[in-house]
Amino acid sequence: MKTDYEISLEAKKENIETIASKMGVEKEDLVKYGNYKAKIKFDKFDNLSKNLILVTSINPTSTGEGKSTVTVGLSDGLNKIGKKSVVALREPSFGPVLGRKGGATGGGYAQVVPMEEINLHFNGDLHAITSAHNAIMSLINNHIFQGNELGFERVEFNYVLDMNERALRSIKINAGKKSERDSYFEITVASEIMAILCLAENLDDLKQKIANMLIGFNKANEPIYVKDLKIEGVVTAILRDALNPNLVQSLENNPAIIHGGPFANIAHGCNSVIATKTALKYGEYVVTEAGFGADLGAEKFIDIKCRKSGLRPKAAVIVATIKALKLHGGVKESDLNIENLGALKTGLENIEKHIENMNKFNLPVIIALNKFVTDTDAEIQLIENWAKEIGVEFSLTEVWAKGGEGAIDLAEKVVNIVENNKQELKFIYEDEDSIEDKINKVAKEIYGASSVNFTDESLIKLGRINLLGYNNLPICIAKTPNSLSDNPKLIGRPRDFEITVTDMNIRSGAGFIVVYLNKVMTMPGLPKVPNALAIDVNEEGNIVNLF
C-alpha cells in the first residue's frame, strides 16, 4: 500500500496559472510562488455564492477521523458531478507536523499538493505571524528599557514559536536583573495575531485589529494597547503579504485555497474569512472545515467566524470512522479490528450529540462514514440503519482509496441538502448575554455539562472583562478536543459532569474572550517518539516519511 506522500509524488500537477484560470482568477491577481503555489490578491467581495458547506467531526481519537481527507474528497466529488467547487482549508502548523499528527493535507487520493511544501514553510504565512507577534514583544521590552513612558506594571503579552516545545511554557526575562519577570511561549497558532489574520476583512481592518490588542496594564490598572506604542503600522507591514490567501490544487487538479490555521482547542479553529470569501467569490460550492470535533471547531466557526463575517453555511458534514466510534464505545485500540457491534452502538452516542448540536444552529447534517478496509458489512449496516432511525442523511465515503469518485454519493446528497435548506442560521448565545451566561450556554447546550465552576483567578479576570466593557464579545473556549467535557478521559457521551473555568484572557484585537477549561496547554509538547524522527531526505532530494 502506497503512503500518502508516495501518492502525492505521482500526482500530475498542473501549473498554478491553469488552476487559477479554472476559478476565474486573472493573471494579474496571482502572485506565483513557483509553478504550483500562489497567492491571490483580493479586492472586494461581491456576488458571493451562498453554497457553503462545513465539514466537522466527532471528538477525535488516536486513530484519526480523516476530516481533511473527506473535505478535499467532497470538493473533488462535487466537481465530478458538474459543480464548480473550491475547497478552503487551514494551513498546517509545523509543531504537529514534527510531533504526533504529521502532515495536514488530506490523505490517499484525496489530498492537496505539493504536500511537502504546504506542510513545511508553505508560503511563509506562519513565519510572518511568528515574527509579527514577537516584534510586538520586543518593542514592549524596549519601551520598558528605554524609560517605560506608558508605565507598564503588568505585561499581558508573551512570545510564540511554531513548535511543540514544553520547555518554553515558563521562562524568565532578564533573569538575575531588577527587571526580571516571568513570561512564556505559546505555539504560533494560539497567537492573537493568527486569530486577527483569520478574522480580518482587509488590510485596514487588519491594522485596526492589531492596534486594538490589549498588551498590558499600568499602575492605575488602566489598559495599554498596541496603538499606545504606535507600532500597529510596522506589525501590519510584516503581515501585508501573509494576508493574501494561498492557492494550490487537489490531486484531481481542482482549486484549493489554504490560509490561516488557529487550533480549535485553544483558538477558533477556522481558516481565514478572506480565504472563505475568496472561495465563495470564484466557486459555485465551497467546502471548508473546522478543527477537531464539532464541540470545538464547528461551534466556534458559527459563534465566532460566522457571527463576525456574515458567512452562513448551508449544511454540516460530520465525519466519523468505525474505529473511532468503537473507541468511544470503550474498545481498546489493540482490539479495533475485531467486529464489536455493541461497542459501536455505544460509540454512536458521541456522534448523536454532535448531530443534536448542529440542529441547534439550524444546520442540517449528513454523516460521512470514512471507510476503512477493516470495517465489516455488519458494522456499516448498523450505522446506516441507525441514521435512518433518527432521520439523518448518511453516506459511506471512500475518498482515501478513490478520491472524488468515492464521494459522489456524498456530493449528491450534500447538494440536495443545500438546495433545500431554507432555515436561518442560529447562534447558541446573543451578544448582549453576559460572559458567564455565554459560558454556561455553550457548556450546557453544546458539551452537555450539568454545571460550570469558576476558580478565583477566573472570577478576577471576569470582573476585569466586565469593568473594561468587553462583556459583549463572543467567547472562545479552550479545552481538550478528546472529550465533550474538559476531561480527556471522559469519552463517548458523558453525562452529569461539571466543567471548571480556570482562566480567561481578553483578545480585544481579534474580538473575543478566550476561556480556559481545566488548565489546557497552549504550548504542546512532543510525544516520546515524535514524527520528526521518521522525516528524512532521500538520495533524489525528496522529503520522505512526512505522513
Protein backbone atom coordinates (compact mmCIF):
# COMPACT_ATOMS: atom_id res chain seq x y z
CA MET A 1 0.00 0.00 0.00
CA LYS A 2 1.42 3.36 -1.01
CA THR A 3 1.91 6.09 1.57
CA ASP A 4 0.19 9.45 1.27
CA TYR A 5 3.48 11.02 0.26
CA GLU A 6 4.20 8.39 -2.42
CA ILE A 7 0.75 9.05 -3.87
CA SER A 8 1.37 12.80 -3.82
CA LEU A 9 4.71 12.41 -5.65
CA GLU A 10 2.96 10.61 -8.51
CA ALA A 11 0.44 13.43 -8.94
CA LYS A 12 0.34 15.11 -12.34
CA LYS A 13 0.18 18.68 -11.13
CA GLU A 14 -0.99 21.49 -13.38
CA ASN A 15 0.66 24.89 -13.43
CA ILE A 16 -0.93 27.14 -10.82
CA GLU A 17 -1.95 29.61 -13.55
CA THR A 18 -4.11 26.84 -15.06
CA ILE A 19 -5.73 26.16 -11.68
CA ALA A 20 -6.38 29.89 -11.24
CA SER A 21 -7.97 30.13 -14.69
CA LYS A 22 -10.38 27.33 -13.76
CA MET A 23 -11.59 29.52 -10.91
CA GLY A 24 -11.71 32.67 -13.00
CA VAL A 25 -8.78 34.40 -11.26
CA GLU A 26 -6.96 36.79 -13.59
CA LYS A 27 -3.16 36.51 -14.01
CA GLU A 28 -2.61 40.00 -12.60
CA ASP A 29 -4.33 38.90 -9.37
CA LEU A 30 -1.92 35.98 -8.93
CA VAL A 31 1.43 36.12 -7.10
CA LYS A 32 3.25 32.92 -8.00
CA TYR A 33 5.48 31.01 -5.59
CA GLY A 34 6.97 28.64 -8.16
CA ASN A 35 4.91 26.53 -10.57
CA TYR A 36 2.40 25.03 -8.13
CA LYS A 37 1.71 27.63 -5.43
CA ALA A 38 0.47 31.19 -5.49
CA LYS A 39 -1.20 33.91 -3.51
CA ILE A 40 -4.40 35.55 -4.70
CA LYS A 41 -4.63 39.31 -4.41
CA PHE A 42 -8.11 40.22 -3.28
CA ASP A 43 -10.02 43.45 -3.72
CA LYS A 44 -13.67 43.37 -2.75
CA PHE A 45 -16.00 40.52 -2.07
CA ASP A 46 -19.19 40.72 -4.09
CA ASN A 47 -21.57 38.24 -5.71
CA LEU A 48 -20.58 35.55 -3.22
CA SER A 49 -22.06 32.08 -3.54
CA LYS A 50 -24.40 31.03 -0.72
CA ASN A 51 -23.44 27.35 -1.01
CA LEU A 52 -21.03 27.00 1.91
CA ILE A 53 -20.57 23.51 3.38
CA LEU A 54 -18.95 22.97 6.78
CA VAL A 55 -17.08 19.72 7.44
CA THR A 56 -16.63 18.76 11.07
CA SER A 57 -16.35 15.51 13.03
CA ILE A 58 -16.91 13.52 16.16
CA ASN A 59 -14.47 14.02 19.04
CA PRO A 60 -11.09 12.99 17.63
CA THR A 61 -9.31 9.80 18.66
CA SER A 62 -5.83 8.35 18.27
CA THR A 63 -6.90 6.56 15.07
CA GLY A 64 -7.73 9.76 13.17
CA GLU A 65 -11.09 10.52 11.55
CA GLY A 66 -9.88 11.85 8.18
CA LYS A 67 -11.73 15.18 8.30
CA SER A 68 -9.34 16.95 5.92
CA THR A 69 -9.35 13.92 3.64
CA VAL A 70 -13.15 13.95 3.42
CA THR A 71 -13.16 17.73 2.95
CA VAL A 72 -10.84 17.50 -0.06
CA GLY A 73 -12.61 14.40 -1.40
CA LEU A 74 -16.03 16.04 -1.14
CA SER A 75 -14.86 19.06 -3.14
CA ASP A 76 -13.43 16.75 -5.79
CA GLY A 77 -16.71 14.80 -5.75
CA LEU A 78 -18.73 17.96 -6.29
CA ASN A 79 -16.55 18.80 -9.29
CA LYS A 80 -17.12 15.30 -10.64
CA ILE A 81 -20.89 15.79 -10.63
CA GLY A 82 -20.57 19.08 -12.51
CA LYS A 83 -20.49 21.61 -9.68
CA LYS A 84 -17.76 24.25 -9.66
CA SER A 85 -16.33 23.58 -6.22
CA VAL A 86 -13.41 25.13 -4.32
CA VAL A 87 -12.08 23.67 -1.08
CA ALA A 88 -10.93 26.07 1.68
CA LEU A 89 -8.59 24.62 4.29
CA ARG A 90 -6.40 25.68 7.20
CA GLU A 91 -2.61 25.79 6.99
CA PRO A 92 -0.70 23.06 8.84
CA SER A 93 1.25 24.04 11.95
CA PHE A 94 4.89 23.00 11.99
CA GLY A 95 4.67 21.77 15.60
CA PRO A 96 2.22 18.90 14.98
CA VAL A 97 3.93 18.05 11.67
CA LEU A 98 7.05 17.21 13.71
CA GLY A 99 5.01 15.79 16.56
CA ARG A 100 2.26 13.20 16.68
CA LYS A 101 -0.11 14.24 13.93
CA GLY A 102 2.24 14.57 10.97
CA GLY A 103 1.04 16.37 7.85
CA ALA A 104 -2.33 18.02 7.39
CA THR A 105 -3.06 17.96 3.67
CA GLY A 106 -5.55 15.11 3.46
CA GLY A 107 -4.64 11.53 2.62
CA GLY A 108 -4.63 8.82 0.00
CA TYR A 109 -6.21 10.05 -3.22
CA ALA A 110 -7.93 12.99 -1.52
CA GLN A 111 -5.02 15.34 -0.93
CA VAL A 112 -3.82 18.83 -1.73
CA VAL A 113 -0.38 19.25 -3.27
CA PRO A 114 2.52 19.98 -3.14
CA MET A 115 2.06 18.36 0.27
CA GLU A 116 5.66 18.62 1.50
CA GLU A 117 5.81 22.36 0.74
CA ILE A 118 2.40 23.00 2.30
CA ASN A 119 3.45 21.16 5.47
CA LEU A 120 6.95 22.67 5.66
CA HIS A 121 7.01 26.50 5.46
CA PHE A 122 4.37 26.85 2.67
CA ASN A 123 4.37 30.49 1.50
CA GLY A 124 5.73 31.82 4.79
CA ASP A 125 2.48 32.87 6.48
CA LEU A 126 3.21 31.23 9.85
CA HIS A 127 6.74 32.66 9.84
CA ALA A 128 5.27 36.12 9.26
CA ILE A 129 2.76 35.65 12.09
CA THR A 130 5.52 34.46 14.44
CA SER A 131 7.71 37.45 13.53
CA ALA A 132 4.86 39.95 13.86
CA HIS A 133 3.87 38.62 17.28
CA ASN A 134 7.44 38.54 18.63
CA ALA A 135 8.11 42.02 17.20
CA ILE A 136 5.36 43.33 19.49
CA MET A 137 7.00 41.65 22.48
CA SER A 138 10.42 43.01 21.51
CA LEU A 139 9.05 46.55 21.18
CA ILE A 140 7.26 46.26 24.55
CA ASN A 141 10.53 45.20 26.21
CA ASN A 142 12.44 48.02 24.52
CA HIS A 143 9.82 50.57 25.59
CA ILE A 144 10.17 49.44 29.21
CA PHE A 145 14.00 49.52 29.00
CA GLN A 146 14.01 52.99 27.45
CA GLY A 147 12.09 54.55 30.34
CA ASN A 148 8.62 52.98 30.36
CA GLU A 149 6.75 56.16 29.43
CA LEU A 150 3.44 54.26 29.32
CA GLY A 151 4.06 52.90 32.82
CA PHE A 152 3.78 49.16 32.19
CA GLU A 153 3.13 47.47 35.53
CA ARG A 154 1.94 44.16 34.08
CA VAL A 155 2.73 42.93 30.58
CA GLU A 156 -0.17 40.85 29.26
CA PHE A 157 1.74 39.51 26.29
CA ASN A 158 4.16 36.69 25.58
CA TYR A 159 6.27 35.01 22.90
CA VAL A 160 5.24 32.46 20.26
CA LEU A 161 7.03 29.76 18.29
CA ASP A 162 5.55 27.40 15.70
CA MET A 163 6.90 24.36 17.51
CA ASN A 164 5.86 21.82 20.14
CA GLU A 165 8.23 22.74 22.96
CA ARG A 166 7.11 22.14 26.54
CA ALA A 167 10.36 23.61 27.95
CA LEU A 168 9.18 27.07 26.89
CA ARG A 169 5.91 27.01 28.80
CA SER A 170 7.56 29.06 31.55
CA ILE A 171 10.60 31.34 31.13
CA LYS A 172 12.36 34.23 32.86
CA ILE A 173 13.04 37.50 31.06
CA ASN A 174 16.12 39.49 32.16
CA ALA A 175 16.99 36.72 34.60
CA GLY A 176 19.05 37.93 37.58
CA LYS A 177 18.30 41.62 36.99
CA LYS A 178 15.93 44.03 38.71
CA SER A 179 13.74 43.97 35.62
CA GLU A 180 13.36 40.17 35.79
CA ARG A 181 9.85 38.93 35.13
CA ASP A 182 8.06 35.73 34.27
CA SER A 183 6.88 35.02 30.74
CA TYR A 184 6.10 32.08 28.47
CA PHE A 185 5.78 30.85 24.90
CA GLU A 186 2.65 29.68 23.15
CA ILE A 187 2.54 27.88 19.83
CA THR A 188 2.11 30.33 16.94
CA VAL A 189 -1.36 29.10 16.07
CA ALA A 190 -2.52 30.25 19.52
CA SER A 191 -1.30 33.80 18.86
CA GLU A 192 -3.86 36.58 18.76
CA ILE A 193 -2.11 37.70 15.58
CA MET A 194 -3.14 34.40 13.98
CA ALA A 195 -6.73 34.95 15.07
CA ILE A 196 -6.67 38.52 13.76
CA LEU A 197 -5.27 37.46 10.38
CA CYS A 198 -8.07 34.91 10.10
CA LEU A 199 -10.84 37.33 11.06
CA ALA A 200 -9.67 40.44 9.20
CA GLU A 201 -11.67 41.53 6.14
CA ASN A 202 -8.92 43.64 4.52
CA LEU A 203 -5.61 45.39 5.22
CA ASP A 204 -7.19 48.37 7.01
CA ASP A 205 -9.25 46.04 9.19
CA LEU A 206 -6.10 44.04 9.98
CA LYS A 207 -4.29 47.20 11.07
CA GLN A 208 -7.21 48.35 13.24
CA LYS A 209 -7.50 44.97 14.95
CA ILE A 210 -3.75 44.94 15.67
CA ALA A 211 -3.98 48.46 17.11
CA ASN A 212 -6.72 47.32 19.50
CA MET A 213 -4.74 44.43 21.01
CA LEU A 214 -4.51 44.64 24.80
CA ILE A 215 -0.86 44.20 25.84
CA GLY A 216 -0.66 45.29 29.47
CA PHE A 217 -1.76 47.46 32.40
CA ASN A 218 -0.22 50.41 34.21
CA LYS A 219 -0.06 51.04 37.97
CA ALA A 220 -3.56 52.52 37.93
CA ASN A 221 -4.79 49.25 36.38
CA GLU A 222 -5.57 51.03 33.13
CA PRO A 223 -5.21 49.05 29.90
CA ILE A 224 -2.36 49.60 27.44
CA TYR A 225 -2.91 48.74 23.79
CA VAL A 226 -0.67 48.25 20.76
CA LYS A 227 -1.89 51.63 19.44
CA ASP A 228 -0.44 53.29 22.56
CA LEU A 229 3.01 52.11 21.43
CA LYS A 230 2.22 53.34 17.90
CA ILE A 231 3.53 50.10 16.37
CA GLU A 232 0.47 48.84 14.51
CA GLY A 233 1.99 50.11 11.27
CA VAL A 234 5.15 48.01 11.41
CA VAL A 235 3.25 44.91 12.53
CA THR A 236 0.84 45.31 9.62
CA ALA A 237 3.80 45.72 7.28
CA ILE A 238 5.21 42.38 8.42
CA LEU A 239 1.84 40.74 7.72
CA ARG A 240 0.96 42.52 4.46
CA ASP A 241 1.77 39.65 2.09
CA ALA A 242 0.62 36.96 4.52
CA LEU A 243 -2.91 38.41 4.40
CA ASN A 244 -3.37 37.19 0.82
CA PRO A 245 -4.84 33.64 0.66
CA ASN A 246 -2.83 30.78 -0.85
CA LEU A 247 -3.88 28.80 -3.92
CA VAL A 248 -2.83 25.18 -4.55
CA GLN A 249 -4.62 22.16 -6.05
CA SER A 250 -6.02 18.76 -5.22
CA LEU A 251 -4.66 15.57 -6.77
CA GLU A 252 -7.53 15.89 -9.26
CA ASN A 253 -6.33 19.39 -10.23
CA ASN A 254 -9.21 21.20 -8.58
CA PRO A 255 -8.55 24.53 -6.81
CA ALA A 256 -7.78 24.59 -3.10
CA ILE A 257 -7.38 27.74 -1.01
CA ILE A 258 -5.36 27.29 2.18
CA HIS A 259 -4.92 30.18 4.59
CA GLY A 260 -4.57 30.60 8.35
CA GLY A 261 -4.55 27.86 10.93
CA PRO A 262 -5.60 28.59 14.52
CA PHE A 263 -6.04 25.42 16.61
CA ALA A 264 -9.65 24.78 17.58
CA ASN A 265 -8.82 23.58 21.09
CA ILE A 266 -7.06 26.84 22.04
CA ALA A 267 -8.30 29.27 19.38
CA HIS A 268 -11.22 29.49 16.94
CA GLY A 269 -10.03 26.73 14.60
CA CYS A 270 -11.05 28.02 11.15
CA ASN A 271 -9.28 29.22 8.05
CA SER A 272 -9.39 32.93 7.25
CA VAL A 273 -12.53 34.88 6.42
CA ILE A 274 -10.66 36.21 3.39
CA ALA A 275 -9.93 32.67 2.17
CA THR A 276 -13.53 31.53 2.58
CA LYS A 277 -14.93 34.62 0.86
CA THR A 278 -12.37 34.33 -1.94
CA ALA A 279 -13.51 30.73 -2.49
CA LEU A 280 -17.17 31.84 -2.47
CA LYS A 281 -16.38 34.60 -4.98
CA TYR A 282 -14.98 32.16 -7.52
CA GLY A 283 -16.72 28.87 -6.67
CA GLU A 284 -20.32 27.72 -7.00
CA TYR A 285 -19.86 25.43 -3.98
CA VAL A 286 -17.28 25.85 -1.21
CA VAL A 287 -16.28 23.09 1.18
CA THR A 288 -14.46 24.19 4.32
CA GLU A 289 -13.55 22.56 7.62
CA ALA A 290 -13.29 23.49 11.28
CA GLY A 291 -10.74 21.93 13.62
CA PHE A 292 -11.21 18.97 15.93
CA GLY A 293 -14.74 17.84 16.87
CA ALA A 294 -17.94 19.78 16.34
CA ASP A 295 -18.00 20.82 20.01
CA LEU A 296 -14.91 22.95 19.34
CA GLY A 297 -14.36 23.85 15.69
CA ALA A 298 -17.94 23.90 14.46
CA GLU A 299 -19.24 25.83 17.49
CA LYS A 300 -16.53 28.48 17.06
CA PHE A 301 -16.95 28.56 13.29
CA ILE A 302 -20.57 29.58 13.84
CA ASP A 303 -20.48 31.55 17.09
CA ILE A 304 -17.29 33.50 16.22
CA LYS A 305 -16.45 33.40 12.50
CA CYS A 306 -19.99 33.45 11.13
CA ARG A 307 -21.16 35.99 13.70
CA LYS A 308 -18.37 38.40 12.73
CA SER A 309 -18.21 37.83 8.98
CA GLY A 310 -21.81 37.24 7.92
CA LEU A 311 -20.91 33.82 6.48
CA ARG A 312 -23.72 31.28 6.68
CA PRO A 313 -23.11 27.56 6.00
CA LYS A 314 -26.00 25.64 4.43
CA ALA A 315 -25.03 22.13 5.60
CA ALA A 316 -22.76 20.33 8.08
CA VAL A 317 -20.93 17.11 7.24
CA ILE A 318 -19.95 15.17 10.36
CA VAL A 319 -17.07 12.78 9.67
CA ALA A 320 -16.72 9.55 11.61
CA THR A 321 -14.95 6.22 11.33
CA ILE A 322 -15.98 2.87 12.72
CA LYS A 323 -12.66 2.59 14.56
CA ALA A 324 -13.15 5.94 16.27
CA LEU A 325 -16.74 5.15 17.20
CA LYS A 326 -15.65 1.84 18.74
CA LEU A 327 -13.01 3.69 20.76
CA HIS A 328 -15.75 5.99 22.05
CA GLY A 329 -17.66 2.81 22.86
CA GLY A 330 -14.89 1.58 25.13
CA VAL A 331 -12.91 -0.75 22.85
CA LYS A 332 -9.13 -0.92 23.37
CA GLU A 333 -7.03 0.29 20.46
CA SER A 334 -5.49 -3.18 20.10
CA ASP A 335 -8.95 -4.69 19.52
CA LEU A 336 -10.32 -2.24 16.95
CA ASN A 337 -10.05 -4.67 14.04
CA ILE A 338 -12.42 -7.11 15.77
CA GLU A 339 -16.09 -6.66 14.95
CA ASN A 340 -17.92 -5.31 18.01
CA LEU A 341 -21.47 -4.16 17.31
CA GLY A 342 -22.24 -3.49 20.96
CA ALA A 343 -19.36 -1.10 21.44
CA LEU A 344 -20.12 0.54 18.10
CA LYS A 345 -23.70 1.19 19.15
CA THR A 346 -22.46 2.77 22.40
CA GLY A 347 -19.97 4.89 20.49
CA LEU A 348 -22.75 6.27 18.30
CA GLU A 349 -23.88 8.32 21.29
CA ASN A 350 -20.92 10.65 20.63
CA ILE A 351 -21.96 11.49 17.08
CA GLU A 352 -25.59 11.68 18.16
CA LYS A 353 -24.70 14.57 20.50
CA HIS A 354 -22.87 16.40 17.69
CA ILE A 355 -25.89 15.96 15.41
CA GLU A 356 -28.15 17.42 18.10
CA ASN A 357 -25.76 20.35 18.46
CA MET A 358 -25.70 21.16 14.75
CA ASN A 359 -29.50 21.09 14.73
CA LYS A 360 -29.45 23.72 17.48
CA PHE A 361 -27.73 26.01 14.99
CA ASN A 362 -30.48 25.19 12.44
CA LEU A 363 -27.84 23.42 10.39
CA PRO A 364 -28.89 20.22 8.57
CA VAL A 365 -26.48 17.30 8.93
CA ILE A 366 -25.15 14.43 6.86
CA ILE A 367 -22.96 11.71 8.37
CA ALA A 368 -19.90 10.87 6.25
CA LEU A 369 -18.58 7.48 7.30
CA ASN A 370 -14.93 7.40 6.22
CA LYS A 371 -14.46 3.76 5.19
CA PHE A 372 -11.51 1.60 6.24
CA VAL A 373 -10.65 -1.88 4.89
CA THR A 374 -11.19 -3.35 8.37
CA ASP A 375 -14.83 -2.20 8.53
CA THR A 376 -17.29 -5.08 8.33
CA ASP A 377 -20.57 -5.10 6.42
CA ALA A 378 -22.48 -5.61 9.67
CA GLU A 379 -20.83 -2.57 11.28
CA ILE A 380 -21.56 -0.35 8.28
CA GLN A 381 -25.15 -1.56 8.12
CA LEU A 382 -25.66 -0.87 11.83
CA ILE A 383 -24.67 2.78 11.38
CA GLU A 384 -26.73 3.21 8.22
CA ASN A 385 -29.81 1.73 9.90
CA TRP A 386 -29.27 3.89 12.99
CA ALA A 387 -29.03 7.03 10.83
CA LYS A 388 -32.33 6.16 9.14
CA GLU A 389 -34.00 5.62 12.52
CA ILE A 390 -33.03 9.10 13.75
CA GLY A 391 -33.77 10.73 10.39
CA VAL A 392 -30.25 11.82 9.45
CA GLU A 393 -28.74 11.50 5.98
CA PHE A 394 -25.88 9.00 5.69
CA SER A 395 -23.13 8.44 3.13
CA LEU A 396 -20.37 5.84 3.00
CA THR A 397 -17.30 7.61 1.61
CA GLU A 398 -14.22 6.02 0.07
CA VAL A 399 -12.22 9.12 -0.76
CA TRP A 400 -8.91 7.83 0.59
CA ALA A 401 -8.93 4.97 -1.93
CA LYS A 402 -10.92 6.54 -4.78
CA GLY A 403 -10.61 10.32 -4.47
CA GLY A 404 -13.60 12.30 -5.76
CA GLU A 405 -15.14 9.14 -7.20
CA GLY A 406 -15.51 7.88 -3.63
CA ALA A 407 -17.51 10.98 -2.65
CA ILE A 408 -20.08 11.12 -5.46
CA ASP A 409 -22.88 9.82 -3.24
CA LEU A 410 -21.87 12.29 -0.51
CA ALA A 411 -21.67 15.15 -3.03
CA GLU A 412 -25.13 14.44 -4.46
CA LYS A 413 -26.70 14.25 -1.01
CA VAL A 414 -24.95 17.44 0.12
CA VAL A 415 -26.24 19.32 -2.94
CA ASN A 416 -29.76 18.13 -2.18
CA ILE A 417 -29.48 19.32 1.43
CA VAL A 418 -28.01 22.70 0.44
CA GLU A 419 -30.63 23.37 -2.23
CA ASN A 420 -33.49 22.55 0.14
CA ASN A 421 -32.23 24.30 3.27
CA LYS A 422 -34.41 27.36 3.88
CA GLN A 423 -33.55 27.75 7.59
CA GLU A 424 -31.79 30.75 9.09
CA LEU A 425 -28.59 30.01 10.99
CA LYS A 426 -28.90 30.44 14.77
CA PHE A 427 -26.29 31.16 17.42
CA ILE A 428 -26.06 29.48 20.83
CA TYR A 429 -25.86 32.83 22.63
CA GLU A 430 -26.52 36.50 21.92
CA ASP A 431 -24.03 39.37 22.00
CA GLU A 432 -25.83 41.00 24.91
CA ASP A 433 -25.60 37.88 27.11
CA SER A 434 -23.08 38.18 29.93
CA ILE A 435 -19.78 36.30 29.60
CA GLU A 436 -20.89 33.98 32.39
CA ASP A 437 -24.16 33.24 30.58
CA LYS A 438 -22.33 32.61 27.31
CA ILE A 439 -20.03 30.10 29.01
CA ASN A 440 -22.98 28.37 30.66
CA LYS A 441 -24.91 28.13 27.40
CA VAL A 442 -22.02 26.55 25.48
CA ALA A 443 -21.12 24.25 28.36
CA LYS A 444 -24.65 23.02 28.91
CA GLU A 445 -26.09 23.17 25.39
CA ILE A 446 -23.04 22.01 23.39
CA TYR A 447 -20.97 19.94 25.82
CA GLY A 448 -23.87 18.63 27.90
CA ALA A 449 -22.40 19.75 31.23
CA SER A 450 -24.62 19.91 34.31
CA SER A 451 -22.86 22.95 35.81
CA VAL A 452 -19.89 25.31 35.48
CA ASN A 453 -17.40 26.10 38.21
CA PHE A 454 -15.20 29.22 38.22
CA THR A 455 -11.85 29.41 40.02
CA ASP A 456 -10.99 32.54 41.99
CA GLU A 457 -8.48 33.55 39.31
CA SER A 458 -11.06 33.25 36.55
CA LEU A 459 -13.55 35.35 38.54
CA ILE A 460 -10.94 38.11 38.89
CA LYS A 461 -10.46 38.04 35.13
CA LEU A 462 -14.24 38.05 34.62
CA GLY A 463 -14.52 41.19 36.74
CA ARG A 464 -11.81 42.85 34.66
CA ILE A 465 -13.60 41.94 31.42
CA ASN A 466 -16.82 43.49 32.68
CA LEU A 467 -15.03 46.59 34.00
CA LEU A 468 -13.38 47.23 30.62
CA GLY A 469 -16.65 46.75 28.78
CA TYR A 470 -15.76 43.61 26.83
CA ASN A 471 -18.68 41.53 28.06
CA ASN A 472 -20.39 41.87 24.66
CA LEU A 473 -17.68 39.86 22.89
CA PRO A 474 -18.14 36.21 21.85
CA ILE A 475 -16.25 33.54 23.76
CA CYS A 476 -13.59 31.14 22.52
CA ILE A 477 -13.40 28.17 24.88
CA ALA A 478 -10.04 26.40 25.14
CA LYS A 479 -10.43 22.79 26.24
CA THR A 480 -9.42 19.23 25.42
CA PRO A 481 -10.63 18.08 21.99
CA ASN A 482 -10.80 14.43 23.05
CA SER A 483 -13.98 14.71 25.10
CA LEU A 484 -17.19 16.68 25.16
CA SER A 485 -16.16 17.53 28.72
CA ASP A 486 -12.97 19.19 30.00
CA ASN A 487 -11.60 15.76 31.00
CA PRO A 488 -9.97 13.91 28.05
CA LYS A 489 -10.72 10.56 29.66
CA LEU A 490 -14.50 11.07 29.56
CA ILE A 491 -15.02 9.68 26.06
CA GLY A 492 -18.28 8.84 24.32
CA ARG A 493 -21.15 10.97 25.52
CA PRO A 494 -20.52 11.81 29.18
CA ARG A 495 -23.45 12.96 31.28
CA ASP A 496 -23.90 14.73 34.62
CA PHE A 497 -20.41 16.27 34.62
CA GLU A 498 -19.10 19.64 35.71
CA ILE A 499 -16.57 21.81 33.92
CA THR A 500 -14.13 24.22 35.54
CA VAL A 501 -13.14 27.61 34.14
CA THR A 502 -9.56 28.22 35.27
CA ASP A 503 -8.63 31.41 33.43
CA MET A 504 -9.78 34.00 30.86
CA ASN A 505 -7.92 36.32 28.53
CA ILE A 506 -9.12 39.37 26.62
CA ARG A 507 -8.37 39.24 22.90
CA SER A 508 -9.60 42.75 22.15
CA GLY A 509 -7.94 42.87 18.75
CA ALA A 510 -9.42 39.62 17.48
CA GLY A 511 -12.66 40.48 19.26
CA PHE A 512 -13.30 37.53 21.57
CA ILE A 513 -12.64 36.30 25.10
CA VAL A 514 -10.55 33.13 25.50
CA VAL A 515 -11.97 30.95 28.28
CA TYR A 516 -9.66 28.21 29.56
CA LEU A 517 -11.02 24.97 30.97
CA ASN A 518 -9.04 22.68 33.23
CA LYS A 519 -5.60 24.23 32.59
CA VAL A 520 -5.48 23.38 28.89
CA MET A 521 -1.98 23.86 27.43
CA THR A 522 -1.36 26.48 24.74
CA MET A 523 2.15 25.18 24.06
CA PRO A 524 2.06 21.47 23.21
CA GLY A 525 4.86 19.02 23.89
CA LEU A 526 6.32 16.34 21.66
CA PRO A 527 5.46 12.65 22.18
CA LYS A 528 8.11 10.11 23.21
CA VAL A 529 8.58 9.08 19.58
CA PRO A 530 7.81 12.20 17.50
CA ASN A 531 7.09 12.06 13.81
CA ALA A 532 10.25 14.15 13.34
CA LEU A 533 12.38 11.01 13.85
CA ALA A 534 10.97 9.49 10.66
CA ILE A 535 11.19 12.52 8.34
CA ASP A 536 14.21 12.46 6.04
CA VAL A 537 15.53 13.43 2.61
CA ASN A 538 16.37 10.59 0.20
CA GLU A 539 19.12 10.39 -2.42
CA GLU A 540 16.89 12.05 -5.02
CA GLY A 541 16.38 15.02 -2.73
CA ASN A 542 12.77 14.14 -1.95
CA ILE A 543 11.39 14.53 1.56
CA VAL A 544 10.18 11.16 2.85
CA ASN A 545 8.00 9.93 5.73
CA LEU A 546 6.07 13.17 6.02
CA PHE A 547 2.90 11.30 6.92
